[in-house]
Amino acid sequence: FSGVLALDVLRALLQLQDRLAAVTAWAPRSGRNVTLRDVCYAPLNPSEPGVGDCAVSSVTQYFQNNGSHLALSAWHQDGKEQGTVDWHDHLIYCVNSPLSFKDITALELSCMAEYGGP
């Protein structure tokens, strides 16, 4: 992979998303600061959403917005084929099976987003 699907770009995207999720803005009519939690769509926890409950569409959701998941690698053997699997393999699997709760690689990561949806 290269370009926008390079590991350093995905890590930078995670950092940017974290910074954006922490942004607050003063709402004069409400007399308080508002955050992403106040305006996000949180289909699985609409009454008391946390930032992780917000349905944010991003390629990093295939890793549950978790840099540790993105950094994982594992030894994988499938019949005669063997080698190391990493984020590339997980991403390819998830693009083809976005509703999977566990990929078929040795990583065994979910393809579901941090908020619980696809």
PDB file of N, CA and C in Angstrom:
ATOM      1  N   PHE A   1       0.835  -1.183   0.000  1.00  0.00           N
ATOM      2  CA  PHE A   1       0.000   0.000   0.000  1.00  0.00           C
ATOM      3  C   PHE A   1       0.878   1.245   0.000  1.00  0.00           C
ATOM      4  N   SER A   2       0.335   2.317  -0.512  1.00  0.00           N
ATOM      5  CA  SER A   2       1.067   3.583  -0.505  1.00  0.00           C
ATOM      6  C   SER A   2       0.058   4.729  -0.442  1.00  0.00           C
ATOM      7  N   GLY A   3       0.549   5.933  -0.476  1.00  0.00           N
ATOM      8  CA  GLY A   3      -0.330   7.098  -0.458  1.00  0.00           C
ATOM      9  C   GLY A   3      -1.128   7.199   0.826  1.00  0.00           C
ATOM     10  N   VAL A   4      -2.448   7.359   0.699  1.00  0.00           N
ATOM     11  CA  VAL A   4      -3.288   7.549   1.876  1.00  0.00           C
ATOM     12  C   VAL A   4      -3.430   6.271   2.701  1.00  0.00           C
ATOM     13  N   LEU A   5      -3.043   5.133   2.169  1.00  0.00           N
ATOM     14  CA  LEU A   5      -3.109   3.888   2.926  1.00  0.00           C
ATOM     15  C   LEU A   5      -1.746   3.457   3.446  1.00  0.00           C
ATOM     16  N   ALA A   6      -0.846   4.392   3.620  1.00  0.00           N
ATOM     17  CA  ALA A   6       0.450   4.094   4.239  1.00  0.00           C
ATOM     18  C   ALA A   6       0.280   4.142   5.757  1.00  0.00           C
ATOM     19  N   LEU A   7       1.049   3.329   6.464  1.00  0.00           N
ATOM     20  CA  LEU A   7       0.916   3.228   7.913  1.00  0.00           C
ATOM     21  C   LEU A   7       1.098   4.575   8.610  1.00  0.00           C
ATOM     22  N   ASP A   8       2.074   5.367   8.175  1.00  0.00           N
ATOM     23  CA  ASP A   8       2.286   6.663   8.827  1.00  0.00           C
ATOM     24  C   ASP A   8       1.104   7.607   8.614  1.00  0.00           C
ATOM     25  N   VAL A   9       0.435   7.508   7.480  1.00  0.00           N
ATOM     26  CA  VAL A   9      -0.741   8.344   7.220  1.00  0.00           C
ATOM     27  C   VAL A   9      -1.902   7.903   8.109  1.00  0.00           C
ATOM     28  N   LEU A  10      -2.077   6.592   8.263  1.00  0.00           N
ATOM     29  CA  LEU A  10      -3.144   6.092   9.129  1.00  0.00           C
ATOM     30  C   LEU A  10      -2.909   6.480  10.587  1.00  0.00           C
ATOM     31  N   ARG A  11      -1.665   6.443  11.024  1.00  0.00           N
ATOM     32  CA  ARG A  11      -1.349   6.879  12.395  1.00  0.00           C
ATOM     33  C   ARG A  11      -1.633   8.368  12.569  1.00  0.00           C
ATOM     34  N   ALA A  12      -1.255   9.166  11.576  1.00  0.00           N
ATOM     35  CA  ALA A  12      -1.525  10.607  11.638  1.00  0.00           C
ATOM     36  C   ALA A  12      -3.034  10.867  11.642  1.00  0.00           C
ATOM     37  N   LEU A  13      -3.783  10.083  10.878  1.00  0.00           N
ATOM     38  CA  LEU A  13      -5.240  10.218  10.858  1.00  0.00           C
ATOM     39  C   LEU A  13      -5.831   9.915  12.231  1.00  0.00           C
ATOM     40  N   LEU A  14      -5.328   8.878  12.900  1.00  0.00           N
ATOM     41  CA  LEU A  14      -5.790   8.574  14.262  1.00  0.00           C
ATOM     42  C   LEU A  14      -5.531   9.740  15.212  1.00  0.00           C
ATOM     43  N   GLN A  15      -4.358  10.342  15.112  1.00  0.00           N
ATOM     44  CA  GLN A  15      -4.030  11.485  15.969  1.00  0.00           C
ATOM     45  C   GLN A  15      -4.951  12.668  15.679  1.00  0.00           C
ATOM     46  N   LEU A  16      -5.197  12.928  14.403  1.00  0.00           N
ATOM     47  CA  LEU A  16      -6.091  14.025  14.020  1.00  0.00           C
ATOM     48  C   LEU A  16      -7.506  13.775  14.539  1.00  0.00           C
ATOM     49  N   GLN A  17      -7.984  12.548  14.397  1.00  0.00           N
ATOM     50  CA  GLN A  17      -9.326  12.216  14.893  1.00  0.00           C
ATOM     51  C   GLN A  17      -9.419  12.402  16.398  1.00  0.00           C
ATOM     52  N   ASP A  18      -8.378  12.017  17.124  1.00  0.00           N
ATOM     53  CA  ASP A  18      -8.370  12.218  18.577  1.00  0.00           C
ATOM     54  C   ASP A  18      -8.436  13.698  18.929  1.00  0.00           C
ATOM     55  N   ARG A  19      -7.678  14.519  18.211  1.00  0.00           N
ATOM     56  CA  ARG A  19      -7.703  15.966  18.474  1.00  0.00           C
ATOM     57  C   ARG A  19      -9.069  16.563  18.156  1.00  0.00           C
ATOM     58  N   LEU A  20      -9.663  16.141  17.038  1.00  0.00           N
ATOM     59  CA  LEU A  20     -10.982  16.660  16.669  1.00  0.00           C
ATOM     60  C   LEU A  20     -12.053  16.212  17.667  1.00  0.00           C
ATOM     61  N   ALA A  21     -11.946  14.989  18.162  1.00  0.00           N
ATOM     62  CA  ALA A  21     -12.922  14.484  19.137  1.00  0.00           C
ATOM     63  C   ALA A  21     -12.851  15.249  20.447  1.00  0.00           C
ATOM     64  N   ALA A  22     -11.721  15.867  20.728  1.00  0.00           N
ATOM     65  CA  ALA A  22     -11.543  16.606  21.978  1.00  0.00           C
ATOM     66  C   ALA A  22     -11.909  18.085  21.862  1.00  0.00           C
ATOM     67  N   VAL A  23     -12.276  18.545  20.684  1.00  0.00           N
ATOM     68  CA  VAL A  23     -12.605  19.960  20.468  1.00  0.00           C
ATOM     69  C   VAL A  23     -13.891  20.322  21.209  1.00  0.00           C
ATOM     70  N   THR A  24     -13.869  21.488  21.815  1.00  0.00           N
ATOM     71  CA  THR A  24     -15.072  22.042  22.442  1.00  0.00           C
ATOM     72  C   THR A  24     -15.332  23.422  21.847  1.00  0.00           C
ATOM     73  N   ALA A  25     -16.569  23.816  21.877  1.00  0.00           N
ATOM     74  CA  ALA A  25     -16.940  25.148  21.383  1.00  0.00           C
ATOM     75  C   ALA A  25     -17.985  25.734  22.320  1.00  0.00           C
ATOM     76  N   TRP A  26     -17.877  27.029  22.574  1.00  0.00           N
ATOM     77  CA  TRP A  26     -18.834  27.699  23.439  1.00  0.00           C
ATOM     78  C   TRP A  26     -20.122  27.944  22.661  1.00  0.00           C
ATOM     79  N   ALA A  27     -21.238  27.564  23.253  1.00  0.00           N
ATOM     80  CA  ALA A  27     -22.559  27.778  22.651  1.00  0.00           C
ATOM     81  C   ALA A  27     -23.275  28.840  23.485  1.00  0.00           C
ATOM     82  N   PRO A  28     -23.263  30.086  23.026  1.00  0.00           N
ATOM     83  CA  PRO A  28     -23.829  31.177  23.822  1.00  0.00           C
ATOM     84  C   PRO A  28     -25.292  30.969  24.207  1.00  0.00           C
ATOM     85  N   ARG A  29     -26.097  30.447  23.307  1.00  0.00           N
ATOM     86  CA  ARG A  29     -27.520  30.259  23.615  1.00  0.00           C
ATOM     87  C   ARG A  29     -27.727  29.214  24.706  1.00  0.00           C
ATOM     88  N   SER A  30     -26.857  28.206  24.728  1.00  0.00           N
ATOM     89  CA  SER A  30     -26.961  27.166  25.761  1.00  0.00           C
ATOM     90  C   SER A  30     -26.213  27.551  27.019  1.00  0.00           C
ATOM     91  N   GLY A  31     -25.288  28.488  26.867  1.00  0.00           N
ATOM     92  CA  GLY A  31     -24.485  28.906  28.012  1.00  0.00           C
ATOM     93  C   GLY A  31     -23.514  27.836  28.480  1.00  0.00           C
ATOM     94  N   ARG A  32     -23.043  27.023  27.555  1.00  0.00           N
ATOM     95  CA  ARG A  32     -22.102  25.957  27.926  1.00  0.00           C
ATOM     96  C   ARG A  32     -21.249  25.554  26.725  1.00  0.00           C
ATOM     97  N   ASN A  33     -20.212  24.815  27.011  1.00  0.00           N
ATOM     98  CA  ASN A  33     -19.391  24.246  25.954  1.00  0.00           C
ATOM     99  C   ASN A  33     -20.095  23.023  25.377  1.00  0.00           C
ATOM    100  N   VAL A  34     -19.987  22.859  24.073  1.00  0.00           N
ATOM    101  CA  VAL A  34     -20.515  21.663  23.414  1.00  0.00           C
ATOM    102  C   VAL A  34     -19.342  20.884  22.840  1.00  0.00           C
ATOM    103  N   THR A  35     -19.545  19.580  22.741  1.00  0.00           N
ATOM    104  CA  THR A  35     -18.502  18.684  22.228  1.00  0.00           C
ATOM    105  C   THR A  35     -19.098  17.789  21.156  1.00  0.00           C
ATOM    106  N   LEU A  36     -18.273  16.933  20.619  1.00  0.00           N
ATOM    107  CA  LEU A  36     -18.734  15.963  19.628  1.00  0.00           C
ATOM    108  C   LEU A  36     -19.887  15.128  20.181  1.00  0.00           C
ATOM    109  N   ARG A  37     -19.810  14.774  21.436  1.00  0.00           N
ATOM    110  CA  ARG A  37     -20.867  13.970  22.070  1.00  0.00           C
ATOM    111  C   ARG A  37     -22.240  14.629  21.961  1.00  0.00           C
ATOM    112  N   ASP A  38     -22.262  15.957  21.958  1.00  0.00           N
ATOM    113  CA  ASP A  38     -23.525  16.689  21.904  1.00  0.00           C
ATOM    114  C   ASP A  38     -24.157  16.701  20.517  1.00  0.00           C
ATOM    115  N   VAL A  39     -23.370  16.464  19.493  1.00  0.00           N
ATOM    116  CA  VAL A  39     -23.887  16.603  18.128  1.00  0.00           C
ATOM    117  C   VAL A  39     -23.744  15.347  17.280  1.00  0.00           C
ATOM    118  N   CYS A  40     -23.148  14.315  17.809  1.00  0.00           N
ATOM    119  CA  CYS A  40     -22.889  13.137  16.984  1.00  0.00           C
ATOM    120  C   CYS A  40     -24.088  12.218  16.865  1.00  0.00           C
ATOM    121  N   TYR A  41     -24.053  11.382  15.851  1.00  0.00           N
ATOM    122  CA  TYR A  41     -25.031  10.317  15.666  1.00  0.00           C
ATOM    123  C   TYR A  41     -24.479   9.083  16.360  1.00  0.00           C
ATOM    124  N   ALA A  42     -25.152   8.625  17.385  1.00  0.00           N
ATOM    125  CA  ALA A  42     -24.707   7.466  18.167  1.00  0.00           C
ATOM    126  C   ALA A  42     -25.826   6.430  18.181  1.00  0.00           C
ATOM    127  N   PRO A  43     -25.935   5.626  17.129  1.00  0.00           N
ATOM    128  CA  PRO A  43     -27.088   4.741  16.986  1.00  0.00           C
ATOM    129  C   PRO A  43     -27.221   3.673  18.075  1.00  0.00           C
ATOM    130  N   LEU A  44     -26.128   3.260  18.684  1.00  0.00           N
ATOM    131  CA  LEU A  44     -26.205   2.195  19.678  1.00  0.00           C
ATOM    132  C   LEU A  44     -26.246   2.714  21.119  1.00  0.00           C
ATOM    133  N   ASN A  45     -26.077   4.018  21.290  1.00  0.00           N
ATOM    134  CA  ASN A  45     -26.164   4.616  22.622  1.00  0.00           C
ATOM    135  C   ASN A  45     -26.621   6.072  22.480  1.00  0.00           C
ATOM    136  N   PRO A  46     -27.836   6.290  22.001  1.00  0.00           N
ATOM    137  CA  PRO A  46     -28.268   7.662  21.718  1.00  0.00           C
ATOM    138  C   PRO A  46     -28.524   8.530  22.953  1.00  0.00           C
ATOM    139  N   SER A  47     -28.821   7.930  24.101  1.00  0.00           N
ATOM    140  CA  SER A  47     -29.181   8.753  25.258  1.00  0.00           C
ATOM    141  C   SER A  47     -27.979   9.342  25.976  1.00  0.00           C
ATOM    142  N   GLU A  48     -26.893   8.614  26.105  1.00  0.00           N
ATOM    143  CA  GLU A  48     -25.692   9.096  26.807  1.00  0.00           C
ATOM    144  C   GLU A  48     -24.434   8.715  26.028  1.00  0.00           C
ATOM    145  N   PRO A  49     -24.246   9.256  24.833  1.00  0.00           N
ATOM    146  CA  PRO A  49     -23.102   8.814  24.032  1.00  0.00           C
ATOM    147  C   PRO A  49     -21.765   9.314  24.560  1.00  0.00           C
ATOM    148  N   GLY A  50     -20.782   8.446  24.494  1.00  0.00           N
ATOM    149  CA  GLY A  50     -19.400   8.845  24.686  1.00  0.00           C
ATOM    150  C   GLY A  50     -18.816   9.077  23.301  1.00  0.00           C
ATOM    151  N   VAL A  51     -17.631   9.622  23.221  1.00  0.00           N
ATOM    152  CA  VAL A  51     -17.024   9.885  21.915  1.00  0.00           C
ATOM    153  C   VAL A  51     -16.901   8.588  21.113  1.00  0.00           C
ATOM    154  N   GLY A  52     -16.585   7.483  21.771  1.00  0.00           N
ATOM    155  CA  GLY A  52     -16.458   6.199  21.081  1.00  0.00           C
ATOM    156  C   GLY A  52     -17.768   5.651  20.558  1.00  0.00           C
ATOM    157  N   ASP A  53     -18.892   6.207  21.000  1.00  0.00           N
ATOM    158  CA  ASP A  53     -20.209   5.780  20.528  1.00  0.00           C
ATOM    159  C   ASP A  53     -20.629   6.492  19.249  1.00  0.00           C
ATOM    160  N   CYS A  54     -19.927   7.546  18.882  1.00  0.00           N
ATOM    161  CA  CYS A  54     -20.281   8.329  17.697  1.00  0.00           C
ATOM    162  C   CYS A  54     -19.922   7.565  16.423  1.00  0.00           C
ATOM    163  N   ALA A  55     -20.858   7.539  15.483  1.00  0.00           N
ATOM    164  CA  ALA A  55     -20.659   6.842  14.220  1.00  0.00           C
ATOM    165  C   ALA A  55     -19.812   7.709  13.283  1.00  0.00           C
ATOM    166  N   VAL A  56     -18.517   7.588  13.408  1.00  0.00           N
ATOM    167  CA  VAL A  56     -17.573   8.340  12.583  1.00  0.00           C
ATOM    168  C   VAL A  56     -17.077   7.416  11.473  1.00  0.00           C
ATOM    169  N   SER A  57     -17.258   7.823  10.229  1.00  0.00           N
ATOM    170  CA  SER A  57     -16.816   7.004   9.102  1.00  0.00           C
ATOM    171  C   SER A  57     -15.359   7.296   8.796  1.00  0.00           C
ATOM    172  N   SER A  58     -14.531   6.275   8.948  1.00  0.00           N
ATOM    173  CA  SER A  58     -13.105   6.416   8.705  1.00  0.00           C
ATOM    174  C   SER A  58     -12.502   5.034   8.500  1.00  0.00           C
ATOM    175  N   VAL A  59     -11.479   4.955   7.689  1.00  0.00           N
ATOM    176  CA  VAL A  59     -10.798   3.676   7.483  1.00  0.00           C
ATOM    177  C   VAL A  59     -10.224   3.147   8.790  1.00  0.00           C
ATOM    178  N   THR A  60      -9.916   4.021   9.723  1.00  0.00           N
ATOM    179  CA  THR A  60      -9.358   3.579  11.001  1.00  0.00           C
ATOM    180  C   THR A  60     -10.391   2.862  11.870  1.00  0.00           C
ATOM    181  N   GLN A  61     -11.663   2.952  11.513  1.00  0.00           N
ATOM    182  CA  GLN A  61     -12.685   2.215  12.253  1.00  0.00           C
ATOM    183  C   GLN A  61     -12.504   0.702  12.092  1.00  0.00           C
ATOM    184  N   TYR A  62     -11.890   0.255  11.010  1.00  0.00           N
ATOM    185  CA  TYR A  62     -11.600  -1.175  10.859  1.00  0.00           C
ATOM    186  C   TYR A  62     -10.639  -1.664  11.944  1.00  0.00           C
ATOM    187  N   PHE A  63      -9.999  -0.724  12.621  1.00  0.00           N
ATOM    188  CA  PHE A  63      -9.077  -1.028  13.727  1.00  0.00           C
ATOM    189  C   PHE A  63      -9.619  -0.472  15.043  1.00  0.00           C
ATOM    190  N   GLN A  64     -10.917  -0.157  15.069  1.00  0.00           N
ATOM    191  CA  GLN A  64     -11.608   0.394  16.224  1.00  0.00           C
ATOM    192  C   GLN A  64     -10.934   1.675  16.733  1.00  0.00           C
ATOM    193  N   ASN A  65     -10.368   2.433  15.799  1.00  0.00           N
ATOM    194  CA  ASN A  65      -9.663   3.681  16.126  1.00  0.00           C
ATOM    195  C   ASN A  65      -8.600   3.457  17.196  1.00  0.00           C
ATOM    196  N   ASN A  66      -7.940   2.324  17.134  1.00  0.00           N
ATOM    197  CA  ASN A  66      -6.973   1.930  18.156  1.00  0.00           C
ATOM    198  C   ASN A  66      -5.608   1.731  17.504  1.00  0.00           C
ATOM    199  N   GLY A  67      -4.659   2.581  17.850  1.00  0.00           N
ATOM    200  CA  GLY A  67      -3.314   2.490  17.290  1.00  0.00           C
ATOM    201  C   GLY A  67      -2.619   1.180  17.604  1.00  0.00           C
ATOM    202  N   SER A  68      -2.948   0.576  18.730  1.00  0.00           N
ATOM    203  CA  SER A  68      -2.353  -0.725  19.079  1.00  0.00           C
ATOM    204  C   SER A  68      -2.820  -1.812  18.120  1.00  0.00           C
ATOM    205  N   HIS A  69      -4.083  -1.753  17.711  1.00  0.00           N
ATOM    206  CA  HIS A  69      -4.585  -2.719  16.737  1.00  0.00           C
ATOM    207  C   HIS A  69      -3.890  -2.532  15.396  1.00  0.00           C
ATOM    208  N   LEU A  70      -3.668  -1.292  15.032  1.00  0.00           N
ATOM    209  CA  LEU A  70      -3.008  -0.972  13.769  1.00  0.00           C
ATOM    210  C   LEU A  70      -1.568  -1.486  13.753  1.00  0.00           C
ATOM    211  N   ALA A  71      -0.923  -1.542  14.898  1.00  0.00           N
ATOM    212  CA  ALA A  71       0.484  -1.948  14.993  1.00  0.00           C
ATOM    213  C   ALA A  71       0.680  -3.459  15.114  1.00  0.00           C
ATOM    214  N   LEU A  72      -0.392  -4.218  15.285  1.00  0.00           N
ATOM    215  CA  LEU A  72      -0.263  -5.658  15.495  1.00  0.00           C
ATOM    216  C   LEU A  72       0.276  -6.392  14.266  1.00  0.00           C
ATOM    217  N   SER A  73       0.999  -7.451  14.531  1.00  0.00           N
ATOM    218  CA  SER A  73       1.387  -8.405  13.483  1.00  0.00           C
ATOM    219  C   SER A  73       1.409  -9.778  14.142  1.00  0.00           C
ATOM    220  N   ALA A  74       1.262 -10.823  13.338  1.00  0.00           N
ATOM    221  CA  ALA A  74       1.228 -12.177  13.875  1.00  0.00           C
ATOM    222  C   ALA A  74       1.676 -13.166  12.805  1.00  0.00           C
ATOM    223  N   TRP A  75       2.196 -14.287  13.245  1.00  0.00           N
ATOM    224  CA  TRP A  75       2.568 -15.372  12.340  1.00  0.00           C
ATOM    225  C   TRP A  75       1.284 -16.103  11.946  1.00  0.00           C
ATOM    226  N   HIS A  76       1.132 -16.355  10.662  1.00  0.00           N
ATOM    227  CA  HIS A  76      -0.096 -16.975  10.165  1.00  0.00           C
ATOM    228  C   HIS A  76       0.261 -18.098   9.207  1.00  0.00           C
ATOM    229  N   GLN A  77      -0.398 -19.235   9.381  1.00  0.00           N
ATOM    230  CA  GLN A  77      -0.208 -20.349   8.452  1.00  0.00           C
ATOM    231  C   GLN A  77      -1.577 -20.823   8.005  1.00  0.00           C
ATOM    232  N   ASP A  78      -1.752 -20.889   6.703  1.00  0.00           N
ATOM    233  CA  ASP A  78      -3.013 -21.326   6.116  1.00  0.00           C
ATOM    234  C   ASP A  78      -2.681 -22.376   5.061  1.00  0.00           C
ATOM    235  N   GLY A  79      -2.744 -23.638   5.444  1.00  0.00           N
ATOM    236  CA  GLY A  79      -2.339 -24.695   4.524  1.00  0.00           C
ATOM    237  C   GLY A  79      -0.848 -24.606   4.281  1.00  0.00           C
ATOM    238  N   LYS A  80      -0.472 -24.491   3.021  1.00  0.00           N
ATOM    239  CA  LYS A  80       0.952 -24.405   2.669  1.00  0.00           C
ATOM    240  C   LYS A  80       1.479 -22.974   2.759  1.00  0.00           C
ATOM    241  N   GLU A  81       0.568 -22.011   2.765  1.00  0.00           N
ATOM    242  CA  GLU A  81       0.987 -20.609   2.826  1.00  0.00           C
ATOM    243  C   GLU A  81       1.242 -20.202   4.263  1.00  0.00           C
ATOM    244  N   GLN A  82       2.357 -19.507   4.479  1.00  0.00           N
ATOM    245  CA  GLN A  82       2.678 -19.030   5.814  1.00  0.00           C
ATOM    246  C   GLN A  82       3.433 -17.713   5.720  1.00  0.00           C
ATOM    247  N   GLY A  83       3.346 -16.938   6.774  1.00  0.00           N
ATOM    248  CA  GLY A  83       4.034 -15.653   6.805  1.00  0.00           C
ATOM    249  C   GLY A  83       3.435 -14.755   7.869  1.00  0.00           C
ATOM    250  N   THR A  84       3.909 -13.550   7.899  1.00  0.00           N
ATOM    251  CA  THR A  84       3.442 -12.577   8.881  1.00  0.00           C
ATOM    252  C   THR A  84       2.247 -11.817   8.311  1.00  0.00           C
ATOM    253  N   VAL A  85       1.215 -11.669   9.121  1.00  0.00           N
ATOM    254  CA  VAL A  85       0.062 -10.851   8.750  1.00  0.00           C
ATOM    255  C   VAL A  85       0.084  -9.584   9.593  1.00  0.00           C
ATOM    256  N   ASP A  86      -0.445  -8.510   9.027  1.00  0.00           N
ATOM    257  CA  ASP A  86      -0.473  -7.230   9.741  1.00  0.00           C
ATOM    258  C   ASP A  86      -1.683  -6.426   9.295  1.00  0.00           C
ATOM    259  N   TRP A  87      -1.617  -5.134   9.480  1.00  0.00           N
ATOM    260  CA  TRP A  87      -2.750  -4.264   9.179  1.00  0.00           C
ATOM    261  C   TRP A  87      -3.193  -4.366   7.727  1.00  0.00           C
ATOM    262  N   HIS A  88      -2.254  -4.608   6.803  1.00  0.00           N
ATOM    263  CA  HIS A  88      -2.621  -4.744   5.389  1.00  0.00           C
ATOM    264  C   HIS A  88      -3.644  -5.866   5.206  1.00  0.00           C
ATOM    265  N   ASP A  89      -3.328  -7.020   5.787  1.00  0.00           N
ATOM    266  CA  ASP A  89      -4.180  -8.195   5.643  1.00  0.00           C
ATOM    267  C   ASP A  89      -5.546  -7.974   6.295  1.00  0.00           C
ATOM    268  N   HIS A  90      -5.527  -7.356   7.457  1.00  0.00           N
ATOM    269  CA  HIS A  90      -6.789  -7.078   8.157  1.00  0.00           C
ATOM    270  C   HIS A  90      -7.652  -6.120   7.338  1.00  0.00           C
ATOM    271  N   LEU A  91      -7.051  -5.090   6.793  1.00  0.00           N
ATOM    272  CA  LEU A  91      -7.791  -4.111   5.999  1.00  0.00           C
ATOM    273  C   LEU A  91      -8.398  -4.764   4.759  1.00  0.00           C
ATOM    274  N   ILE A  92      -7.629  -5.565   4.053  1.00  0.00           N
ATOM    275  CA  ILE A  92      -8.148  -6.245   2.857  1.00  0.00           C
ATOM    276  C   ILE A  92      -9.322  -7.145   3.235  1.00  0.00           C
ATOM    277  N   TYR A  93      -9.175  -7.881   4.329  1.00  0.00           N
ATOM    278  CA  TYR A  93     -10.259  -8.754   4.770  1.00  0.00           C
ATOM    279  C   TYR A  93     -11.516  -7.940   5.075  1.00  0.00           C
ATOM    280  N   CYS A  94     -11.366  -6.859   5.822  1.00  0.00           N
ATOM    281  CA  CYS A  94     -12.513  -6.063   6.240  1.00  0.00           C
ATOM    282  C   CYS A  94     -13.203  -5.352   5.085  1.00  0.00           C
ATOM    283  N   VAL A  95     -12.450  -4.912   4.108  1.00  0.00           N
ATOM    284  CA  VAL A  95     -13.058  -4.274   2.942  1.00  0.00           C
ATOM    285  C   VAL A  95     -13.972  -5.274   2.230  1.00  0.00           C
ATOM    286  N   ASN A  96     -13.586  -6.538   2.245  1.00  0.00           N
ATOM    287  CA  ASN A  96     -14.386  -7.584   1.599  1.00  0.00           C
ATOM    288  C   ASN A  96     -15.466  -8.167   2.511  1.00  0.00           C
ATOM    289  N   SER A  97     -15.297  -8.059   3.829  1.00  0.00           N
ATOM    290  CA  SER A  97     -16.258  -8.613   4.798  1.00  0.00           C
ATOM    291  C   SER A  97     -16.466  -7.632   5.954  1.00  0.00           C
ATOM    292  N   PRO A  98     -17.054  -6.469   5.685  1.00  0.00           N
ATOM    293  CA  PRO A  98     -17.134  -5.424   6.714  1.00  0.00           C
ATOM    294  C   PRO A  98     -17.991  -5.765   7.923  1.00  0.00           C
ATOM    295  N   LEU A  99     -18.826  -6.784   7.856  1.00  0.00           N
ATOM    296  CA  LEU A  99     -19.684  -7.136   8.984  1.00  0.00           C
ATOM    297  C   LEU A  99     -19.081  -8.222   9.866  1.00  0.00           C
ATOM    298  N   SER A 100     -17.829  -8.571   9.627  1.00  0.00           N
ATOM    299  CA  SER A 100     -17.186  -9.647  10.378  1.00  0.00           C
ATOM    300  C   SER A 100     -16.801  -9.200  11.786  1.00  0.00           C
ATOM    301  N   PHE A 101     -17.067 -10.063  12.764  1.00  0.00           N
ATOM    302  CA  PHE A 101     -16.666  -9.790  14.137  1.00  0.00           C
ATOM    303  C   PHE A 101     -15.256 -10.295  14.426  1.00  0.00           C
ATOM    304  N   LYS A 102     -14.681 -11.076  13.494  1.00  0.00           N
ATOM    305  CA  LYS A 102     -13.315 -11.557  13.672  1.00  0.00           C
ATOM    306  C   LYS A 102     -12.766 -11.925  12.295  1.00  0.00           C
ATOM    307  N   ASP A 103     -11.632 -11.338  11.925  1.00  0.00           N
ATOM    308  CA  ASP A 103     -11.065 -11.678  10.628  1.00  0.00           C
ATOM    309  C   ASP A 103     -10.494 -13.096  10.670  1.00  0.00           C
ATOM    310  N   ILE A 104     -10.142 -13.623   9.506  1.00  0.00           N
ATOM    311  CA  ILE A 104      -9.659 -15.004   9.438  1.00  0.00           C
ATOM    312  C   ILE A 104      -8.137 -15.093   9.512  1.00  0.00           C
ATOM    313  N   THR A 105      -7.486 -13.994   9.815  1.00  0.00           N
ATOM    314  CA  THR A 105      -6.042 -14.017   9.994  1.00  0.00           C
ATOM    315  C   THR A 105      -5.720 -14.360  11.445  1.00  0.00           C
ATOM    316  N   ALA A 106      -4.456 -14.562  11.721  1.00  0.00           N
ATOM    317  CA  ALA A 106      -4.010 -14.831  13.087  1.00  0.00           C
ATOM    318  C   ALA A 106      -4.212 -13.615  14.003  1.00  0.00           C
ATOM    319  N   LEU A 107      -4.478 -12.453  13.439  1.00  0.00           N
ATOM    320  CA  LEU A 107      -4.741 -11.266  14.259  1.00  0.00           C
ATOM    321  C   LEU A 107      -6.081 -11.395  14.983  1.00  0.00           C
ATOM    322  N   GLU A 108      -7.050 -12.003  14.322  1.00  0.00           N
ATOM    323  CA  GLU A 108      -8.385 -12.207  14.875  1.00  0.00           C
ATOM    324  C   GLU A 108      -9.039 -10.919  15.365  1.00  0.00           C
ATOM    325  N   LEU A 109      -8.860  -9.840  14.611  1.00  0.00           N
ATOM    326  CA  LEU A 109      -9.468  -8.554  14.949  1.00  0.00           C
ATOM    327  C   LEU A 109     -10.864  -8.442  14.342  1.00  0.00           C
ATOM    328  N   SER A 110     -11.706  -7.676  14.972  1.00  0.00           N
ATOM    329  CA  SER A 110     -13.037  -7.389  14.450  1.00  0.00           C
ATOM    330  C   SER A 110     -12.945  -6.346  13.341  1.00  0.00           C
ATOM    331  N   CYS A 111     -13.878  -6.414  12.418  1.00  0.00           N
ATOM    332  CA  CYS A 111     -13.992  -5.382  11.387  1.00  0.00           C
ATOM    333  C   CYS A 111     -14.991  -4.310  11.799  1.00  0.00           C
ATOM    334  N   MET A 112     -15.693  -4.543  12.895  1.00  0.00           N
ATOM    335  CA  MET A 112     -16.710  -3.604  13.341  1.00  0.00           C
ATOM    336  C   MET A 112     -16.060  -2.346  13.912  1.00  0.00           C
ATOM    337  N   ALA A 113     -16.739  -1.237  13.746  1.00  0.00           N
ATOM    338  CA  ALA A 113     -16.220   0.052  14.193  1.00  0.00           C
ATOM    339  C   ALA A 113     -16.224   0.155  15.725  1.00  0.00           C
ATOM    340  N   GLU A 114     -15.528   1.139  16.221  1.00  0.00           N
ATOM    341  CA  GLU A 114     -15.443   1.381  17.669  1.00  0.00           C
ATOM    342  C   GLU A 114     -16.836   1.522  18.282  1.00  0.00           C
ATOM    343  N   TYR A 115     -17.769   2.154  17.553  1.00  0.00           N
ATOM    344  CA  TYR A 115     -19.111   2.377  18.096  1.00  0.00           C
ATOM    345  C   TYR A 115     -19.980   1.120  18.030  1.00  0.00           C
ATOM    346  N   GLY A 116     -19.482   0.047  17.391  1.00  0.00           N
ATOM    347  CA  GLY A 116     -20.195  -1.223  17.364  1.00  0.00           C
ATOM    348  C   GLY A 116     -20.869  -1.564  16.061  1.00  0.00           C
ATOM    349  N   GLY A 117     -20.933  -0.623  15.137  1.00  0.00           N
ATOM    350  CA  GLY A 117     -21.576  -0.870  13.851  1.00  0.00           C
ATOM    351  C   GLY A 117     -20.552  -1.172  12.768  1.00  0.00           C
ATOM    352  N   PRO A 118     -21.050  -1.422  11.563  1.00  0.00           N
ATOM    353  CA  PRO A 118     -20.123  -1.732  10.451  1.00  0.00           C
ATOM    354  C   PRO A 118     -19.423  -0.496   9.913  1.00  0.00           C
TER     355      PRO A 118
END
